[in-house]
Structures are given as structure tokens and as C-alpha cells.
Amino acid sequence: MKLPRLLKTTFVVVTMLLSGSVFAYSTDAERKEECKPPKMLEFTLPEYSQPERLEVKPESEFSFKLSGGTAAEDIQVYAKQKLLPVVITKNTSFMWIKGKLPAELTGKFVRLDVIVKTELGCRSRDGWLVKVADQ
């Protein structure tokens, strides 16, 4: 009589251990699916590329649209590794981010880097290369 009870207990314990592992994997997979980085759209400055070699005026203003799913304080914009001040206008489905290129970038290639942390904890980094014209 004790052998079947021991087998039943062993079966229940093994089943619980295996199902716990499966649920843990499922939770991680769901988390990865939920962590979608926001989309950055409608950047107003022309990106620098060959053969066009388009340049922007010194101290140009820029803006871009960022899809929702993040808080305004979790958005950072850098130029030459310097944090730029930006104005963020929030809508129900997106945000407009506006800023201005600093005067010291005149005549330089500049990568505008945008780093965003979403409400779900994901980090996203994107950006654009621009060439600032000489005076």
C-alpha cells in the first residue's frame, strides 16, 4: 500500500516541478514580446548620406515623433555625447520631441542619438547622422 502512495507523491512533485519550469519560460517569452521599442518617425532634418551630402544650417531646430509607451522623463537626446535640452509634447498616441543643435557643432558631423526607456523596462537607441554646415 505504501508503494503506490510513494509513486503518487513522486509523480505529483515531478509534475509540479516540470510545470513550474514551463510557466517560467512562458513568462519570459511573453515579457520579450511585450518589450517593443517605440518607433521614431518624421525626423525633420535631412540625414547625411552619399552622394547627396546634404548639410543643415548651424543651430538648426529639429523634431521627430515618438510612438507611445514611454514617459517623457525617460527620453534622452544626445549630440556628440552631450545631453541636449528638448521640449516634449505628449499626445494620446505619440510624443513630439523638439530641440536645437548647439552652436559649437557648426561645421561638424553629428550623430543625434535618442535613448528611450519604455514603461515596460525596455531600452531603445536610435539616431540620425547630420552634417552641420560652416557659417
C-alpha atoms as a PDB file:
ATOM      1  CA  MET A   1       0.000   0.000   0.000  1.00  0.00           C
ATOM      2  CA  LYS A   2       2.889   2.370   0.701  1.00  0.00           C
ATOM      3  CA  LEU A   3       4.479   1.924  -2.707  1.00  0.00           C
ATOM      4  CA  PRO A   4       1.546   3.350  -4.711  1.00  0.00           C
ATOM      5  CA  ARG A   5       1.289   6.327  -2.317  1.00  0.00           C
ATOM      6  CA  LEU A   6       5.014   6.997  -2.748  1.00  0.00           C
ATOM      7  CA  LEU A   7       4.640   6.758  -6.530  1.00  0.00           C
ATOM      8  CA  LYS A   8       1.689   9.152  -6.472  1.00  0.00           C
ATOM      9  CA  THR A   9       3.614  11.653  -4.348  1.00  0.00           C
ATOM     10  CA  THR A  10       6.669  11.403  -6.591  1.00  0.00           C
ATOM     11  CA  PHE A  11       4.518  11.887  -9.679  1.00  0.00           C
ATOM     12  CA  VAL A  12       2.834  14.974  -8.181  1.00  0.00           C
ATOM     13  CA  VAL A  13       6.176  16.530  -7.176  1.00  0.00           C
ATOM     14  CA  VAL A  14       7.781  15.875 -10.583  1.00  0.00           C
ATOM     15  CA  THR A  15       4.711  17.245 -12.392  1.00  0.00           C
ATOM     16  CA  MET A  16       4.783  20.415 -10.284  1.00  0.00           C
ATOM     17  CA  LEU A  17       8.477  20.951 -10.928  1.00  0.00           C
ATOM     18  CA  LEU A  18       8.124  20.494 -14.671  1.00  0.00           C
ATOM     19  CA  SER A  19       5.041  22.689 -14.956  1.00  0.00           C
ATOM     20  CA  GLY A  20       6.773  25.442 -12.952  1.00  0.00           C
ATOM     21  CA  SER A  21       9.635  25.469 -15.442  1.00  0.00           C
ATOM     22  CA  VAL A  22       7.233  25.665 -18.361  1.00  0.00           C
ATOM     23  CA  PHE A  23       5.358  28.601 -16.822  1.00  0.00           C
ATOM     24  CA  ALA A  24       8.601  30.421 -16.079  1.00  0.00           C
ATOM     25  CA  TYR A  25       9.660  30.064 -19.701  1.00  0.00           C
ATOM     26  CA  SER A  26       6.275  31.287 -20.874  1.00  0.00           C
ATOM     27  CA  THR A  27       6.518  34.391 -18.682  1.00  0.00           C
ATOM     28  CA  ASP A  28       9.967  35.275 -20.097  1.00  0.00           C
ATOM     29  CA  ALA A  29       8.745  34.796 -23.656  1.00  0.00           C
ATOM     30  CA  GLU A  30       5.709  36.979 -23.002  1.00  0.00           C
ATOM     31  CA  ARG A  31       7.923  39.667 -21.488  1.00  0.00           C
ATOM     32  CA  LYS A  32      10.136  39.703 -24.594  1.00  0.00           C
ATOM     33  CA  GLU A  33       7.070  40.072 -26.812  1.00  0.00           C
ATOM     34  CA  GLU A  34       5.732  42.947 -24.703  1.00  0.00           C
ATOM     35  CA  CYS A  35       9.039  44.830 -24.803  1.00  0.00           C
ATOM     36  CA  LYS A  36       8.645  46.549 -28.136  1.00  0.00           C
ATOM     37  CA  PRO A  37      10.799  49.627 -28.582  1.00  0.00           C
ATOM     38  CA  PRO A  38       8.980  52.811 -29.563  1.00  0.00           C
ATOM     39  CA  LYS A  39       9.156  53.930 -33.170  1.00  0.00           C
ATOM     40  CA  MET A  40      10.911  57.179 -34.075  1.00  0.00           C
ATOM     41  CA  LEU A  41       9.355  58.810 -37.105  1.00  0.00           C
ATOM     42  CA  GLU A  42       9.272  62.028 -39.111  1.00  0.00           C
ATOM     43  CA  PHE A  43      12.745  63.377 -38.293  1.00  0.00           C
ATOM     44  CA  THR A  44      12.800  66.907 -39.754  1.00  0.00           C
ATOM     45  CA  LEU A  45      16.497  67.313 -40.600  1.00  0.00           C
ATOM     46  CA  PRO A  46      17.935  65.618 -43.690  1.00  0.00           C
ATOM     47  CA  GLU A  47      20.151  62.658 -42.854  1.00  0.00           C
ATOM     48  CA  TYR A  48      23.664  62.882 -44.240  1.00  0.00           C
ATOM     49  CA  SER A  49      24.416  60.288 -46.909  1.00  0.00           C
ATOM     50  CA  GLN A  50      26.474  59.796 -50.047  1.00  0.00           C
ATOM     51  CA  PRO A  51      26.245  61.081 -52.781  1.00  0.00           C
ATOM     52  CA  GLU A  52      23.722  63.776 -51.739  1.00  0.00           C
ATOM     53  CA  ARG A  53      25.870  65.197 -48.909  1.00  0.00           C
ATOM     54  CA  LEU A  54      23.042  67.340 -47.593  1.00  0.00           C
ATOM     55  CA  GLU A  55      24.008  69.767 -44.825  1.00  0.00           C
ATOM     56  CA  VAL A  56      21.895  71.586 -42.258  1.00  0.00           C
ATOM     57  CA  LYS A  57      22.243  75.174 -41.088  1.00  0.00           C
ATOM     58  CA  PRO A  58      24.099  75.858 -37.833  1.00  0.00           C
ATOM     59  CA  GLU A  59      21.819  75.857 -34.786  1.00  0.00           C
ATOM     60  CA  SER A  60      19.022  74.189 -36.755  1.00  0.00           C
ATOM     61  CA  GLU A  61      15.906  73.131 -34.941  1.00  0.00           C
ATOM     62  CA  PHE A  62      14.884  69.505 -35.227  1.00  0.00           C
ATOM     63  CA  SER A  63      11.897  67.442 -34.262  1.00  0.00           C
ATOM     64  CA  PHE A  64      10.670  63.883 -34.502  1.00  0.00           C
ATOM     65  CA  LYS A  65       7.709  61.824 -33.488  1.00  0.00           C
ATOM     66  CA  LEU A  66       7.958  59.002 -30.948  1.00  0.00           C
ATOM     67  CA  SER A  67       5.273  56.350 -30.569  1.00  0.00           C
ATOM     68  CA  GLY A  68       3.696  55.934 -27.131  1.00  0.00           C
ATOM     69  CA  GLY A  69       4.602  53.539 -24.351  1.00  0.00           C
ATOM     70  CA  THR A  70       7.171  55.680 -22.559  1.00  0.00           C
ATOM     71  CA  ALA A  71       7.327  58.520 -20.068  1.00  0.00           C
ATOM     72  CA  ALA A  72       8.721  61.937 -21.032  1.00  0.00           C
ATOM     73  CA  GLU A  73      11.415  61.776 -18.337  1.00  0.00           C
ATOM     74  CA  ASP A  74      12.742  58.544 -19.884  1.00  0.00           C
ATOM     75  CA  ILE A  75      13.676  60.202 -23.204  1.00  0.00           C
ATOM     76  CA  GLN A  76      17.208  61.498 -23.748  1.00  0.00           C
ATOM     77  CA  VAL A  77      18.658  63.120 -26.864  1.00  0.00           C
ATOM     78  CA  TYR A  78      22.437  63.410 -27.297  1.00  0.00           C
ATOM     79  CA  ALA A  79      24.671  65.134 -29.843  1.00  0.00           C
ATOM     80  CA  LYS A  80      28.398  64.336 -29.682  1.00  0.00           C
ATOM     81  CA  GLN A  81      27.696  62.603 -26.343  1.00  0.00           C
ATOM     82  CA  LYS A  82      26.279  65.823 -24.869  1.00  0.00           C
ATOM     83  CA  LEU A  83      22.736  65.744 -23.485  1.00  0.00           C
ATOM     84  CA  LEU A  84      20.559  68.220 -25.382  1.00  0.00           C
ATOM     85  CA  PRO A  85      17.631  70.104 -23.884  1.00  0.00           C
ATOM     86  CA  VAL A  86      14.410  69.120 -25.644  1.00  0.00           C
ATOM     87  CA  VAL A  87      10.748  70.047 -25.406  1.00  0.00           C
ATOM     88  CA  ILE A  88       8.349  67.111 -25.321  1.00  0.00           C
ATOM     89  CA  THR A  89       4.701  67.473 -26.250  1.00  0.00           C
ATOM     90  CA  LYS A  90       2.624  64.434 -25.362  1.00  0.00           C
ATOM     91  CA  ASN A  91      -0.469  63.264 -27.218  1.00  0.00           C
ATOM     92  CA  THR A  92      -2.594  60.188 -26.540  1.00  0.00           C
ATOM     93  CA  SER A  93      -0.767  58.026 -29.076  1.00  0.00           C
ATOM     94  CA  PHE A  94       2.623  59.717 -29.616  1.00  0.00           C
ATOM     95  CA  MET A  95       5.027  62.434 -28.487  1.00  0.00           C
ATOM     96  CA  TRP A  96       6.705  65.233 -30.412  1.00  0.00           C
ATOM     97  CA  ILE A  97      10.297  65.875 -29.371  1.00  0.00           C
ATOM     98  CA  LYS A  98      11.786  69.227 -30.403  1.00  0.00           C
ATOM     99  CA  GLY A  99      15.292  70.571 -29.908  1.00  0.00           C
ATOM    100  CA  LYS A 100      18.029  72.724 -31.384  1.00  0.00           C
ATOM    101  CA  LEU A 101      21.577  71.902 -32.455  1.00  0.00           C
ATOM    102  CA  PRO A 102      24.147  73.717 -30.285  1.00  0.00           C
ATOM    103  CA  ALA A 103      26.315  76.416 -31.917  1.00  0.00           C
ATOM    104  CA  GLU A 104      29.551  74.536 -31.139  1.00  0.00           C
ATOM    105  CA  LEU A 105      28.567  71.820 -33.640  1.00  0.00           C
ATOM    106  CA  THR A 106      28.959  74.192 -36.610  1.00  0.00           C
ATOM    107  CA  GLY A 107      30.958  72.557 -39.405  1.00  0.00           C
ATOM    108  CA  LYS A 108      30.871  69.066 -37.835  1.00  0.00           C
ATOM    109  CA  PHE A 109      29.317  65.698 -38.450  1.00  0.00           C
ATOM    110  CA  VAL A 110      26.869  64.979 -35.666  1.00  0.00           C
ATOM    111  CA  ARG A 111      25.074  61.836 -34.666  1.00  0.00           C
ATOM    112  CA  LEU A 112      21.849  62.641 -32.844  1.00  0.00           C
ATOM    113  CA  ASP A 113      21.277  59.711 -30.507  1.00  0.00           C
ATOM    114  CA  VAL A 114      17.901  59.111 -28.925  1.00  0.00           C
ATOM    115  CA  ILE A 115      17.788  56.797 -25.917  1.00  0.00           C
ATOM    116  CA  VAL A 116      14.380  55.762 -24.629  1.00  0.00           C
ATOM    117  CA  LYS A 117      13.328  53.586 -21.726  1.00  0.00           C
ATOM    118  CA  THR A 118       9.790  52.238 -22.130  1.00  0.00           C
ATOM    119  CA  GLU A 119       7.225  51.768 -19.378  1.00  0.00           C
ATOM    120  CA  LEU A 120       7.855  48.014 -19.589  1.00  0.00           C
ATOM    121  CA  GLY A 121      11.571  48.464 -18.873  1.00  0.00           C
ATOM    122  CA  CYS A 122      12.980  48.043 -22.393  1.00  0.00           C
ATOM    123  CA  ARG A 123      15.760  50.311 -23.633  1.00  0.00           C
ATOM    124  CA  SER A 124      15.880  51.538 -27.199  1.00  0.00           C
ATOM    125  CA  ARG A 125      18.538  53.535 -29.018  1.00  0.00           C
ATOM    126  CA  ASP A 126      18.251  55.106 -32.445  1.00  0.00           C
ATOM    127  CA  GLY A 127      19.510  58.201 -34.189  1.00  0.00           C
ATOM    128  CA  TRP A 128      20.455  60.143 -37.271  1.00  0.00           C
ATOM    129  CA  LEU A 129      23.700  61.412 -38.774  1.00  0.00           C
ATOM    130  CA  VAL A 130      23.650  65.056 -39.899  1.00  0.00           C
ATOM    131  CA  LYS A 131      26.338  67.361 -41.255  1.00  0.00           C
ATOM    132  CA  VAL A 132      26.181  70.888 -39.893  1.00  0.00           C
ATOM    133  CA  ALA A 133      27.348  73.458 -42.449  1.00  0.00           C
ATOM    134  CA  ASP A 134      30.059  76.021 -41.771  1.00  0.00           C
ATOM    135  CA  GLN A 135      28.960  79.582 -41.082  1.00  0.00           C
END
